[in-house]
């Protein structure tokens, strides 16, 4: 049977931690996680997209994507998530997920919470 949901996550501890204001590092990790998700969806034959094309015949298409960021629990900032409709073009998946991640960080307040002991899920 095919999965109802497919995700990818990364935990950031110790030397892998970074400031939530480090947009470049946030973008790199979100895009990497998205690439993993797309590969897994394609492997299941669910994603009817070819590179740069519209739907080409997959039997099931993702409808929604969610990005979740678990901020450093020591700072007490908790978990935040945002969802959006999956874009119609494969190359836009990372763009959409990164925008969701930036929105989460923006809404998390002014504190410079470190993503240490934290997790990003796409």
PDB file of N, CA and C in Angstrom:
ATOM      1  N   UNK A   1       0.832  -1.194   0.000  1.00  0.00           N
ATOM      2  CA  UNK A   1       0.000   0.000   0.000  1.00  0.00           C
ATOM      3  C   UNK A   1       0.874   1.254   0.000  1.00  0.00           C
ATOM      4  N   UNK A   2       0.321   2.291  -0.553  1.00  0.00           N
ATOM      5  CA  UNK A   2       1.054   3.541  -0.643  1.00  0.00           C
ATOM      6  C   UNK A   2       0.806   4.379   0.614  1.00  0.00           C
ATOM      7  N   UNK A   3       1.798   5.162   0.959  1.00  0.00           N
ATOM      8  CA  UNK A   3       1.718   6.001   2.157  1.00  0.00           C
ATOM      9  C   UNK A   3       0.656   7.079   2.010  1.00  0.00           C
ATOM     10  N   UNK A   4       0.023   7.411   3.133  1.00  0.00           N
ATOM     11  CA  UNK A   4      -0.915   8.523   3.139  1.00  0.00           C
ATOM     12  C   UNK A   4      -0.177   9.839   3.300  1.00  0.00           C
ATOM     13  N   UNK A   5       0.991   9.788   3.932  1.00  0.00           N
ATOM     14  CA  UNK A   5       1.803  10.994   4.075  1.00  0.00           C
ATOM     15  C   UNK A   5       3.272  10.606   3.969  1.00  0.00           C
ATOM     16  N   UNK A   6       4.035  11.531   3.454  1.00  0.00           N
ATOM     17  CA  UNK A   6       5.469  11.327   3.313  1.00  0.00           C
ATOM     18  C   UNK A   6       6.142  12.577   3.837  1.00  0.00           C
ATOM     19  N   UNK A   7       7.140  12.394   4.672  1.00  0.00           N
ATOM     20  CA  UNK A   7       7.823  13.541   5.247  1.00  0.00           C
ATOM     21  C   UNK A   7       9.299  13.287   5.406  1.00  0.00           C
ATOM     22  N   UNK A   8       9.979  14.336   5.760  1.00  0.00           N
ATOM     23  CA  UNK A   8      11.408  14.266   6.020  1.00  0.00           C
ATOM     24  C   UNK A   8      11.699  15.267   7.130  1.00  0.00           C
ATOM     25  N   UNK A   9      12.614  14.916   8.022  1.00  0.00           N
ATOM     26  CA  UNK A   9      12.920  15.835   9.118  1.00  0.00           C
ATOM     27  C   UNK A   9      14.407  15.819   9.425  1.00  0.00           C
ATOM     28  N   UNK A  10      14.839  16.844  10.109  1.00  0.00           N
ATOM     29  CA  UNK A  10      16.243  16.985  10.501  1.00  0.00           C
ATOM     30  C   UNK A  10      16.280  17.622  11.878  1.00  0.00           C
ATOM     31  N   UNK A  11      17.064  17.024  12.769  1.00  0.00           N
ATOM     32  CA  UNK A  11      17.270  17.599  14.100  1.00  0.00           C
ATOM     33  C   UNK A  11      18.596  18.348  14.120  1.00  0.00           C
ATOM     34  N   UNK A  12      18.631  19.430  14.858  1.00  0.00           N
ATOM     35  CA  UNK A  12      19.831  20.265  14.941  1.00  0.00           C
ATOM     36  C   UNK A  12      20.268  20.356  16.391  1.00  0.00           C
ATOM     37  N   UNK A  13      21.398  19.700  16.684  1.00  0.00           N
ATOM     38  CA  UNK A  13      21.921  19.691  18.048  1.00  0.00           C
ATOM     39  C   UNK A  13      23.385  20.060  18.020  1.00  0.00           C
ATOM     40  N   UNK A  14      23.831  20.721  19.076  1.00  0.00           N
ATOM     41  CA  UNK A  14      25.247  21.041  19.236  1.00  0.00           C
ATOM     42  C   UNK A  14      25.822  21.786  18.046  1.00  0.00           C
ATOM     43  N   UNK A  15      26.840  21.226  17.395  1.00  0.00           N
ATOM     44  CA  UNK A  15      27.511  21.933  16.307  1.00  0.00           C
ATOM     45  C   UNK A  15      26.625  22.151  15.077  1.00  0.00           C
ATOM     46  N   UNK A  16      25.530  21.426  14.974  1.00  0.00           N
ATOM     47  CA  UNK A  16      24.623  21.608  13.838  1.00  0.00           C
ATOM     48  C   UNK A  16      23.580  22.690  14.080  1.00  0.00           C
ATOM     49  N   UNK A  17      23.530  23.215  15.297  1.00  0.00           N
ATOM     50  CA  UNK A  17      22.533  24.232  15.607  1.00  0.00           C
ATOM     51  C   UNK A  17      22.879  25.538  14.897  1.00  0.00           C
ATOM     52  N   UNK A  18      21.854  26.366  14.696  1.00  0.00           N
ATOM     53  CA  UNK A  18      22.062  27.667  14.076  1.00  0.00           C
ATOM     54  C   UNK A  18      20.974  28.628  14.525  1.00  0.00           C
ATOM     55  N   UNK A  19      21.230  29.913  14.364  1.00  0.00           N
ATOM     56  CA  UNK A  19      20.278  30.940  14.752  1.00  0.00           C
ATOM     57  C   UNK A  19      19.099  30.932  13.790  1.00  0.00           C
ATOM     58  N   UNK A  20      17.911  31.179  14.311  1.00  0.00           N
ATOM     59  CA  UNK A  20      16.744  31.242  13.439  1.00  0.00           C
ATOM     60  C   UNK A  20      16.850  32.415  12.468  1.00  0.00           C
ATOM     61  N   UNK A  21      17.726  33.360  12.742  1.00  0.00           N
ATOM     62  CA  UNK A  21      17.927  34.497  11.839  1.00  0.00           C
ATOM     63  C   UNK A  21      18.874  34.172  10.686  1.00  0.00           C
ATOM     64  N   UNK A  22      19.481  32.993  10.717  1.00  0.00           N
ATOM     65  CA  UNK A  22      20.394  32.568   9.659  1.00  0.00           C
ATOM     66  C   UNK A  22      19.565  32.006   8.502  1.00  0.00           C
ATOM     67  N   UNK A  23      19.041  32.912   7.688  1.00  0.00           N
ATOM     68  CA  UNK A  23      18.116  32.544   6.620  1.00  0.00           C
ATOM     69  C   UNK A  23      18.759  31.635   5.571  1.00  0.00           C
ATOM     70  N   UNK A  24      20.025  31.842   5.318  1.00  0.00           N
ATOM     71  CA  UNK A  24      20.721  31.032   4.314  1.00  0.00           C
ATOM     72  C   UNK A  24      20.773  29.558   4.735  1.00  0.00           C
ATOM     73  N   UNK A  25      21.102  29.316   6.004  1.00  0.00           N
ATOM     74  CA  UNK A  25      21.164  27.940   6.505  1.00  0.00           C
ATOM     75  C   UNK A  25      19.766  27.335   6.567  1.00  0.00           C
ATOM     76  N   UNK A  26      18.784  28.119   7.003  1.00  0.00           N
ATOM     77  CA  UNK A  26      17.402  27.651   7.040  1.00  0.00           C
ATOM     78  C   UNK A  26      16.950  27.234   5.640  1.00  0.00           C
ATOM     79  N   UNK A  27      17.234  28.071   4.658  1.00  0.00           N
ATOM     80  CA  UNK A  27      16.836  27.756   3.279  1.00  0.00           C
ATOM     81  C   UNK A  27      17.503  26.469   2.791  1.00  0.00           C
ATOM     82  N   UNK A  28      18.802  26.329   3.056  1.00  0.00           N
ATOM     83  CA  UNK A  28      19.518  25.132   2.611  1.00  0.00           C
ATOM     84  C   UNK A  28      18.873  23.866   3.160  1.00  0.00           C
ATOM     85  N   UNK A  29      18.565  23.869   4.471  1.00  0.00           N
ATOM     86  CA  UNK A  29      18.006  22.663   5.076  1.00  0.00           C
ATOM     87  C   UNK A  29      16.572  22.400   4.617  1.00  0.00           C
ATOM     88  N   UNK A  30      15.767  23.442   4.497  1.00  0.00           N
ATOM     89  CA  UNK A  30      14.381  23.248   4.048  1.00  0.00           C
ATOM     90  C   UNK A  30      14.373  22.686   2.629  1.00  0.00           C
ATOM     91  N   UNK A  31      15.209  23.242   1.764  1.00  0.00           N
ATOM     92  CA  UNK A  31      15.264  22.750   0.377  1.00  0.00           C
ATOM     93  C   UNK A  31      15.772  21.303   0.319  1.00  0.00           C
ATOM     94  N   UNK A  32      16.755  20.976   1.147  1.00  0.00           N
ATOM     95  CA  UNK A  32      17.264  19.604   1.172  1.00  0.00           C
ATOM     96  C   UNK A  32      16.179  18.632   1.632  1.00  0.00           C
ATOM     97  N   UNK A  33      15.437  19.015   2.655  1.00  0.00           N
ATOM     98  CA  UNK A  33      14.348  18.164   3.134  1.00  0.00           C
ATOM     99  C   UNK A  33      13.265  17.998   2.068  1.00  0.00           C
ATOM    100  N   UNK A  34      12.978  19.071   1.355  1.00  0.00           N
ATOM    101  CA  UNK A  34      11.979  19.002   0.280  1.00  0.00           C
ATOM    102  C   UNK A  34      12.426  18.064  -0.833  1.00  0.00           C
ATOM    103  N   UNK A  35      13.703  18.112  -1.166  1.00  0.00           N
ATOM    104  CA  UNK A  35      14.226  17.215  -2.201  1.00  0.00           C
ATOM    105  C   UNK A  35      14.010  15.758  -1.798  1.00  0.00           C
ATOM    106  N   UNK A  36      14.254  15.451  -0.521  1.00  0.00           N
ATOM    107  CA  UNK A  36      14.045  14.091  -0.029  1.00  0.00           C
ATOM    108  C   UNK A  36      12.576  13.681  -0.149  1.00  0.00           C
ATOM    109  N   UNK A  37      11.682  14.594   0.210  1.00  0.00           N
ATOM    110  CA  UNK A  37      10.251  14.297   0.133  1.00  0.00           C
ATOM    111  C   UNK A  37       9.848  14.037  -1.315  1.00  0.00           C
ATOM    112  N   UNK A  38      10.284  14.901  -2.222  1.00  0.00           N
ATOM    113  CA  UNK A  38       9.929  14.744  -3.634  1.00  0.00           C
ATOM    114  C   UNK A  38      10.455  13.412  -4.174  1.00  0.00           C
ATOM    115  N   UNK A  39      11.685  13.060  -3.826  1.00  0.00           N
ATOM    116  CA  UNK A  39      12.245  11.777  -4.272  1.00  0.00           C
ATOM    117  C   UNK A  39      11.395  10.609  -3.777  1.00  0.00           C
ATOM    118  N   UNK A  40      10.963  10.667  -2.532  1.00  0.00           N
ATOM    119  CA  UNK A  40      10.173   9.572  -1.968  1.00  0.00           C
ATOM    120  C   UNK A  40       8.796   9.491  -2.605  1.00  0.00           C
ATOM    121  N   UNK A  41       8.196  10.640  -2.864  1.00  0.00           N
ATOM    122  CA  UNK A  41       6.880  10.650  -3.494  1.00  0.00           C
ATOM    123  C   UNK A  41       6.986  10.114  -4.924  1.00  0.00           C
ATOM    124  N   UNK A  42       8.007  10.554  -5.634  1.00  0.00           N
ATOM    125  CA  UNK A  42       8.212  10.062  -7.001  1.00  0.00           C
ATOM    126  C   UNK A  42       8.459   8.549  -7.006  1.00  0.00           C
ATOM    127  N   UNK A  43       9.228   8.072  -6.034  1.00  0.00           N
ATOM    128  CA  UNK A  43       9.524   6.644  -5.958  1.00  0.00           C
ATOM    129  C   UNK A  43       8.260   5.815  -5.756  1.00  0.00           C
ATOM    130  N   UNK A  44       7.284   6.370  -5.060  1.00  0.00           N
ATOM    131  CA  UNK A  44       6.016   5.669  -4.851  1.00  0.00           C
ATOM    132  C   UNK A  44       5.107   5.783  -6.061  1.00  0.00           C
ATOM    133  N   UNK A  45       5.479   6.640  -6.992  1.00  0.00           N
ATOM    134  CA  UNK A  45       4.651   6.819  -8.177  1.00  0.00           C
ATOM    135  C   UNK A  45       3.427   7.664  -7.931  1.00  0.00           C
ATOM    136  N   UNK A  46       3.470   8.466  -6.871  1.00  0.00           N
ATOM    137  CA  UNK A  46       2.319   9.291  -6.535  1.00  0.00           C
ATOM    138  C   UNK A  46       2.348  10.659  -7.196  1.00  0.00           C
ATOM    139  N   UNK A  47       3.517  11.113  -7.537  1.00  0.00           N
ATOM    140  CA  UNK A  47       3.666  12.488  -7.986  1.00  0.00           C
ATOM    141  C   UNK A  47       3.677  12.513  -9.501  1.00  0.00           C
ATOM    142  N   UNK A  48       2.612  12.973 -10.110  1.00  0.00           N
ATOM    143  CA  UNK A  48       2.509  12.971 -11.564  1.00  0.00           C
ATOM    144  C   UNK A  48       3.166  14.169 -12.189  1.00  0.00           C
ATOM    145  N   UNK A  49       4.378  14.513 -11.780  1.00  0.00           N
ATOM    146  CA  UNK A  49       5.071  15.672 -12.322  1.00  0.00           C
ATOM    147  C   UNK A  49       6.377  15.236 -12.953  1.00  0.00           C
ATOM    148  N   UNK A  50       6.703  15.811 -14.050  1.00  0.00           N
ATOM    149  CA  UNK A  50       8.036  15.687 -14.616  1.00  0.00           C
ATOM    150  C   UNK A  50       8.752  16.995 -14.346  1.00  0.00           C
ATOM    151  N   UNK A  51      10.062  17.018 -14.453  1.00  0.00           N
ATOM    152  CA  UNK A  51      10.815  18.247 -14.190  1.00  0.00           C
ATOM    153  C   UNK A  51      10.284  19.369 -15.065  1.00  0.00           C
ATOM    154  N   UNK A  52       9.768  20.405 -14.438  1.00  0.00           N
ATOM    155  CA  UNK A  52       9.289  21.579 -15.146  1.00  0.00           C
ATOM    156  C   UNK A  52       7.948  21.414 -15.836  1.00  0.00           C
ATOM    157  N   UNK A  53       7.285  20.291 -15.631  1.00  0.00           N
ATOM    158  CA  UNK A  53       6.025  20.088 -16.337  1.00  0.00           C
ATOM    159  C   UNK A  53       4.851  20.080 -15.370  1.00  0.00           C
ATOM    160  N   UNK A  54       3.679  20.103 -15.923  1.00  0.00           N
ATOM    161  CA  UNK A  54       2.464  19.977 -15.139  1.00  0.00           C
ATOM    162  C   UNK A  54       2.183  18.493 -14.917  1.00  0.00           C
ATOM    163  N   UNK A  55       1.047  18.167 -14.399  1.00  0.00           N
ATOM    164  CA  UNK A  55       0.657  16.782 -14.137  1.00  0.00           C
ATOM    165  C   UNK A  55       0.827  15.940 -15.406  1.00  0.00           C
ATOM    166  N   UNK A  56       1.444  14.754 -15.233  1.00  0.00           N
ATOM    167  CA  UNK A  56       1.653  13.877 -16.382  1.00  0.00           C
ATOM    168  C   UNK A  56       1.031  12.504 -16.197  1.00  0.00           C
ATOM    169  N   UNK A  57       0.264  12.310 -15.133  1.00  0.00           N
ATOM    170  CA  UNK A  57      -0.431  11.032 -15.046  1.00  0.00           C
ATOM    171  C   UNK A  57      -0.244  10.244 -13.777  1.00  0.00           C
ATOM    172  N   UNK A  58       0.235  10.837 -12.702  1.00  0.00           N
ATOM    173  CA  UNK A  58       0.338  10.103 -11.447  1.00  0.00           C
ATOM    174  C   UNK A  58      -1.049   9.761 -10.949  1.00  0.00           C
ATOM    175  N   UNK A  59      -1.161   8.644 -10.238  1.00  0.00           N
ATOM    176  CA  UNK A  59      -2.488   8.236  -9.787  1.00  0.00           C
ATOM    177  C   UNK A  59      -2.953   8.998  -8.559  1.00  0.00           C
ATOM    178  N   UNK A  60      -2.030   9.493  -7.761  1.00  0.00           N
ATOM    179  CA  UNK A  60      -2.384  10.295  -6.586  1.00  0.00           C
ATOM    180  C   UNK A  60      -1.437  11.481  -6.527  1.00  0.00           C
ATOM    181  N   UNK A  61      -1.974  12.630  -6.263  1.00  0.00           N
ATOM    182  CA  UNK A  61      -1.141  13.824  -6.171  1.00  0.00           C
ATOM    183  C   UNK A  61      -1.239  14.411  -4.770  1.00  0.00           C
ATOM    184  N   UNK A  62      -0.114  14.871  -4.212  1.00  0.00           N
ATOM    185  CA  UNK A  62      -0.178  15.555  -2.918  1.00  0.00           C
ATOM    186  C   UNK A  62      -1.038  16.804  -3.040  1.00  0.00           C
ATOM    187  N   UNK A  63      -1.787  17.102  -2.005  1.00  0.00           N
ATOM    188  CA  UNK A  63      -2.639  18.290  -2.024  1.00  0.00           C
ATOM    189  C   UNK A  63      -2.138  19.370  -1.068  1.00  0.00           C
ATOM    190  N   UNK A  64      -1.494  18.939   0.008  1.00  0.00           N
ATOM    191  CA  UNK A  64      -1.091  19.904   1.023  1.00  0.00           C
ATOM    192  C   UNK A  64       0.314  19.599   1.516  1.00  0.00           C
ATOM    193  N   UNK A  65       1.053  20.649   1.799  1.00  0.00           N
ATOM    194  CA  UNK A  65       2.367  20.481   2.408  1.00  0.00           C
ATOM    195  C   UNK A  65       2.372  21.247   3.724  1.00  0.00           C
ATOM    196  N   UNK A  66       3.110  20.726   4.682  1.00  0.00           N
ATOM    197  CA  UNK A  66       3.207  21.362   5.992  1.00  0.00           C
ATOM    198  C   UNK A  66       4.681  21.420   6.386  1.00  0.00           C
ATOM    199  N   UNK A  67       5.083  22.567   6.890  1.00  0.00           N
ATOM    200  CA  UNK A  67       6.427  22.731   7.450  1.00  0.00           C
ATOM    201  C   UNK A  67       6.251  22.943   8.946  1.00  0.00           C
ATOM    202  N   UNK A  68       7.005  22.193   9.735  1.00  0.00           N
ATOM    203  CA  UNK A  68       6.944  22.289  11.194  1.00  0.00           C
ATOM    204  C   UNK A  68       8.345  22.599  11.700  1.00  0.00           C
ATOM    205  N   UNK A  69       8.439  23.575  12.590  1.00  0.00           N
ATOM    206  CA  UNK A  69       9.726  23.869  13.226  1.00  0.00           C
ATOM    207  C   UNK A  69       9.544  23.747  14.731  1.00  0.00           C
ATOM    208  N   UNK A  70      10.352  22.874  15.323  1.00  0.00           N
ATOM    209  CA  UNK A  70      10.406  22.728  16.773  1.00  0.00           C
ATOM    210  C   UNK A  70      11.566  23.603  17.223  1.00  0.00           C
ATOM    211  N   UNK A  71      11.259  24.695  17.904  1.00  0.00           N
ATOM    212  CA  UNK A  71      12.318  25.571  18.390  1.00  0.00           C
ATOM    213  C   UNK A  71      12.916  25.021  19.674  1.00  0.00           C
ATOM    214  N   UNK A  72      14.074  25.536  20.035  1.00  0.00           N
ATOM    215  CA  UNK A  72      14.814  25.121  21.223  1.00  0.00           C
ATOM    216  C   UNK A  72      13.893  25.101  22.435  1.00  0.00           C
ATOM    217  N   UNK A  73      13.692  23.927  22.992  1.00  0.00           N
ATOM    218  CA  UNK A  73      12.786  23.781  24.132  1.00  0.00           C
ATOM    219  C   UNK A  73      13.298  24.515  25.366  1.00  0.00           C
ATOM    220  N   UNK A  74      14.623  24.667  25.483  1.00  0.00           N
ATOM    221  CA  UNK A  74      15.176  25.369  26.647  1.00  0.00           C
ATOM    222  C   UNK A  74      14.751  26.834  26.668  1.00  0.00           C
ATOM    223  N   UNK A  75      14.503  27.385  25.502  1.00  0.00           N
ATOM    224  CA  UNK A  75      14.084  28.788  25.408  1.00  0.00           C
ATOM    225  C   UNK A  75      12.574  28.933  25.555  1.00  0.00           C
ATOM    226  N   UNK A  76      11.867  27.810  25.572  1.00  0.00           N
ATOM    227  CA  UNK A  76      10.431  27.831  25.788  1.00  0.00           C
ATOM    228  C   UNK A  76       9.610  28.299  24.606  1.00  0.00           C
ATOM    229  N   UNK A  77      10.135  28.200  23.404  1.00  0.00           N
ATOM    230  CA  UNK A  77       9.395  28.735  22.272  1.00  0.00           C
ATOM    231  C   UNK A  77       8.545  27.708  21.536  1.00  0.00           C
ATOM    232  N   UNK A  78       8.675  26.430  21.851  1.00  0.00           N
ATOM    233  CA  UNK A  78       7.758  25.416  21.372  1.00  0.00           C
ATOM    234  C   UNK A  78       7.802  25.038  19.908  1.00  0.00           C
ATOM    235  N   UNK A  79       6.630  24.654  19.389  1.00  0.00           N
ATOM    236  CA  UNK A  79       6.483  24.127  18.038  1.00  0.00           C
ATOM    237  C   UNK A  79       5.566  25.042  17.246  1.00  0.00           C
ATOM    238  N   UNK A  80       5.946  25.297  15.998  1.00  0.00           N
ATOM    239  CA  UNK A  80       5.102  26.088  15.103  1.00  0.00           C
ATOM    240  C   UNK A  80       5.027  25.385  13.760  1.00  0.00           C
ATOM    241  N   UNK A  81       3.876  25.520  13.107  1.00  0.00           N
ATOM    242  CA  UNK A  81       3.728  24.907  11.791  1.00  0.00           C
ATOM    243  C   UNK A  81       2.902  25.802  10.881  1.00  0.00           C
ATOM    244  N   UNK A  82       3.090  25.597   9.592  1.00  0.00           N
ATOM    245  CA  UNK A  82       2.341  26.309   8.555  1.00  0.00           C
ATOM    246  C   UNK A  82       2.088  25.323   7.432  1.00  0.00           C
ATOM    247  N   UNK A  83       0.944  25.433   6.799  1.00  0.00           N
ATOM    248  CA  UNK A  83       0.620  24.579   5.678  1.00  0.00           C
ATOM    249  C   UNK A  83       0.205  25.398   4.475  1.00  0.00           C
ATOM    250  N   UNK A  84       0.291  24.775   3.317  1.00  0.00           N
ATOM    251  CA  UNK A  84      -0.104  25.425   2.071  1.00  0.00           C
ATOM    252  C   UNK A  84      -0.466  24.353   1.051  1.00  0.00           C
ATOM    253  N   UNK A  85      -1.169  24.771   0.038  1.00  0.00           N
ATOM    254  CA  UNK A  85      -1.470  23.892  -1.086  1.00  0.00           C
ATOM    255  C   UNK A  85      -0.159  23.569  -1.804  1.00  0.00           C
ATOM    256  N   UNK A  86       0.001  22.325  -2.208  1.00  0.00           N
ATOM    257  CA  UNK A  86       1.204  21.928  -2.938  1.00  0.00           C
ATOM    258  C   UNK A  86       1.208  22.657  -4.284  1.00  0.00           C
ATOM    259  N   UNK A  87       2.346  23.261  -4.634  1.00  0.00           N
ATOM    260  CA  UNK A  87       2.408  23.968  -5.916  1.00  0.00           C
ATOM    261  C   UNK A  87       2.272  23.003  -7.094  1.00  0.00           C
ATOM    262  N   UNK A  88       1.767  23.496  -8.210  1.00  0.00           N
ATOM    263  CA  UNK A  88       1.543  22.673  -9.392  1.00  0.00           C
ATOM    264  C   UNK A  88       2.800  22.320 -10.158  1.00  0.00           C
ATOM    265  N   UNK A  89       3.907  22.908  -9.792  1.00  0.00           N
ATOM    266  CA  UNK A  89       5.171  22.612 -10.475  1.00  0.00           C
ATOM    267  C   UNK A  89       6.180  22.104  -9.454  1.00  0.00           C
ATOM    268  N   UNK A  90       6.834  21.035  -9.793  1.00  0.00           N
ATOM    269  CA  UNK A  90       7.784  20.387  -8.899  1.00  0.00           C
ATOM    270  C   UNK A  90       8.876  21.340  -8.425  1.00  0.00           C
ATOM    271  N   UNK A  91       9.392  22.175  -9.312  1.00  0.00           N
ATOM    272  CA  UNK A  91      10.492  23.062  -8.932  1.00  0.00           C
ATOM    273  C   UNK A  91      10.058  24.156  -7.950  1.00  0.00           C
ATOM    274  N   UNK A  92       8.764  24.312  -7.738  1.00  0.00           N
ATOM    275  CA  UNK A  92       8.254  25.314  -6.793  1.00  0.00           C
ATOM    276  C   UNK A  92       8.078  24.761  -5.381  1.00  0.00           C
ATOM    277  N   UNK A  93       8.224  23.470  -5.212  1.00  0.00           N
ATOM    278  CA  UNK A  93       8.005  22.827  -3.912  1.00  0.00           C
ATOM    279  C   UNK A  93       8.919  23.432  -2.842  1.00  0.00           C
ATOM    280  N   UNK A  94      10.216  23.527  -3.155  1.00  0.00           N
ATOM    281  CA  UNK A  94      11.175  24.094  -2.208  1.00  0.00           C
ATOM    282  C   UNK A  94      10.903  25.553  -1.915  1.00  0.00           C
ATOM    283  N   UNK A  95      10.484  26.308  -2.937  1.00  0.00           N
ATOM    284  CA  UNK A  95      10.164  27.732  -2.751  1.00  0.00           C
ATOM    285  C   UNK A  95       9.011  27.896  -1.768  1.00  0.00           C
ATOM    286  N   UNK A  96       7.984  27.089  -1.965  1.00  0.00           N
ATOM    287  CA  UNK A  96       6.804  27.168  -1.090  1.00  0.00           C
ATOM    288  C   UNK A  96       7.160  26.783   0.343  1.00  0.00           C
ATOM    289  N   UNK A  97       7.915  25.704   0.511  1.00  0.00           N
ATOM    290  CA  UNK A  97       8.302  25.263   1.853  1.00  0.00           C
ATOM    291  C   UNK A  97       9.189  26.292   2.543  1.00  0.00           C
ATOM    292  N   UNK A  98      10.110  26.892   1.801  1.00  0.00           N
ATOM    293  CA  UNK A  98      10.991  27.897   2.399  1.00  0.00           C
ATOM    294  C   UNK A  98      10.189  29.128   2.824  1.00  0.00           C
ATOM    295  N   UNK A  99       9.216  29.527   2.030  1.00  0.00           N
ATOM    296  CA  UNK A  99       8.376  30.670   2.415  1.00  0.00           C
ATOM    297  C   UNK A  99       7.605  30.352   3.695  1.00  0.00           C
ATOM    298  N   UNK A 100       7.096  29.130   3.810  1.00  0.00           N
ATOM    299  CA  UNK A 100       6.406  28.727   5.037  1.00  0.00           C
ATOM    300  C   UNK A 100       7.349  28.781   6.235  1.00  0.00           C
ATOM    301  N   UNK A 101       8.585  28.289   6.061  1.00  0.00           N
ATOM    302  CA  UNK A 101       9.571  28.312   7.141  1.00  0.00           C
ATOM    303  C   UNK A 101       9.900  29.740   7.551  1.00  0.00           C
ATOM    304  N   UNK A 102      10.065  30.632   6.577  1.00  0.00           N
ATOM    305  CA  UNK A 102      10.344  32.041   6.903  1.00  0.00           C
ATOM    306  C   UNK A 102       9.186  32.661   7.667  1.00  0.00           C
ATOM    307  N   UNK A 103       7.953  32.322   7.279  1.00  0.00           N
ATOM    308  CA  UNK A 103       6.778  32.835   7.988  1.00  0.00           C
ATOM    309  C   UNK A 103       6.751  32.340   9.433  1.00  0.00           C
ATOM    310  N   UNK A 104       7.090  31.074   9.634  1.00  0.00           N
ATOM    311  CA  UNK A 104       7.133  30.525  10.993  1.00  0.00           C
ATOM    312  C   UNK A 104       8.154  31.273  11.832  1.00  0.00           C
ATOM    313  N   UNK A 105       9.349  31.472  11.290  1.00  0.00           N
ATOM    314  CA  UNK A 105      10.412  32.167  12.016  1.00  0.00           C
ATOM    315  C   UNK A 105       9.985  33.597  12.332  1.00  0.00           C
ATOM    316  N   UNK A 106       9.394  34.270  11.372  1.00  0.00           N
ATOM    317  CA  UNK A 106       8.947  35.661  11.573  1.00  0.00           C
ATOM    318  C   UNK A 106       7.914  35.741  12.702  1.00  0.00           C
ATOM    319  N   UNK A 107       6.999  34.800  12.722  1.00  0.00           N
ATOM    320  CA  UNK A 107       5.939  34.804  13.735  1.00  0.00           C
ATOM    321  C   UNK A 107       6.412  34.322  15.101  1.00  0.00           C
ATOM    322  N   UNK A 108       7.627  33.774  15.167  1.00  0.00           N
ATOM    323  CA  UNK A 108       8.123  33.246  16.437  1.00  0.00           C
ATOM    324  C   UNK A 108       8.630  34.347  17.365  1.00  0.00           C
ATOM    325  N   UNK A 109       8.635  35.578  16.914  1.00  0.00           N
ATOM    326  CA  UNK A 109       9.032  36.692  17.760  1.00  0.00           C
ATOM    327  C   UNK A 109      10.432  37.180  17.495  1.00  0.00           C
ATOM    328  N   UNK A 110      10.818  38.185  18.275  1.00  0.00           N
ATOM    329  CA  UNK A 110      12.094  38.856  18.059  1.00  0.00           C
ATOM    330  C   UNK A 110      13.286  38.137  18.662  1.00  0.00           C
ATOM    331  N   UNK A 111      13.065  37.248  19.596  1.00  0.00           N
ATOM    332  CA  UNK A 111      14.190  36.571  20.230  1.00  0.00           C
ATOM    333  C   UNK A 111      15.034  35.820  19.217  1.00  0.00           C
ATOM    334  N   UNK A 112      16.315  35.737  19.502  1.00  0.00           N
ATOM    335  CA  UNK A 112      17.225  35.047  18.595  1.00  0.00           C
ATOM    336  C   UNK A 112      17.345  33.590  19.020  1.00  0.00           C
ATOM    337  N   UNK A 113      16.208  32.887  18.977  1.00  0.00           N
ATOM    338  CA  UNK A 113      16.208  31.485  19.380  1.00  0.00           C
ATOM    339  C   UNK A 113      17.162  30.696  18.497  1.00  0.00           C
ATOM    340  N   UNK A 114      17.925  29.875  19.127  1.00  0.00           N
ATOM    341  CA  UNK A 114      18.852  29.028  18.409  1.00  0.00           C
ATOM    342  C   UNK A 114      18.127  27.729  18.056  1.00  0.00           C
ATOM    343  N   UNK A 115      18.339  27.248  16.860  1.00  0.00           N
ATOM    344  CA  UNK A 115      17.774  25.957  16.499  1.00  0.00           C
ATOM    345  C   UNK A 115      18.746  24.880  16.978  1.00  0.00           C
ATOM    346  N   UNK A 116      18.812  24.746  18.301  1.00  0.00           N
ATOM    347  CA  UNK A 116      19.657  23.738  18.944  1.00  0.00           C
ATOM    348  C   UNK A 116      18.731  22.824  19.715  1.00  0.00           C
ATOM    349  N   UNK A 117      18.819  21.541  19.447  1.00  0.00           N
ATOM    350  CA  UNK A 117      17.848  20.612  20.021  1.00  0.00           C
ATOM    351  C   UNK A 117      16.520  20.771  19.328  1.00  0.00           C
ATOM    352  N   UNK A 118      16.555  21.387  18.157  1.00  0.00           N
ATOM    353  CA  UNK A 118      15.355  21.690  17.400  1.00  0.00           C
ATOM    354  C   UNK A 118      15.233  20.786  16.191  1.00  0.00           C
ATOM    355  N   UNK A 119      14.107  20.924  15.506  1.00  0.00           N
ATOM    356  CA  UNK A 119      13.810  20.027  14.402  1.00  0.00           C
ATOM    357  C   UNK A 119      13.023  20.788  13.342  1.00  0.00           C
ATOM    358  N   UNK A 120      13.298  20.497  12.079  1.00  0.00           N
ATOM    359  CA  UNK A 120      12.507  21.011  10.960  1.00  0.00           C
ATOM    360  C   UNK A 120      11.909  19.803  10.256  1.00  0.00           C
ATOM    361  N   UNK A 121      10.608  19.857   9.987  1.00  0.00           N
ATOM    362  CA  UNK A 121       9.921  18.767   9.318  1.00  0.00           C
ATOM    363  C   UNK A 121       9.227  19.319   8.089  1.00  0.00           C
ATOM    364  N   UNK A 122       9.428  18.664   6.948  1.00  0.00           N
ATOM    365  CA  UNK A 122       8.724  19.033   5.713  1.00  0.00           C
ATOM    366  C   UNK A 122       7.886  17.857   5.270  1.00  0.00           C
TER     367      UNK A 122
END
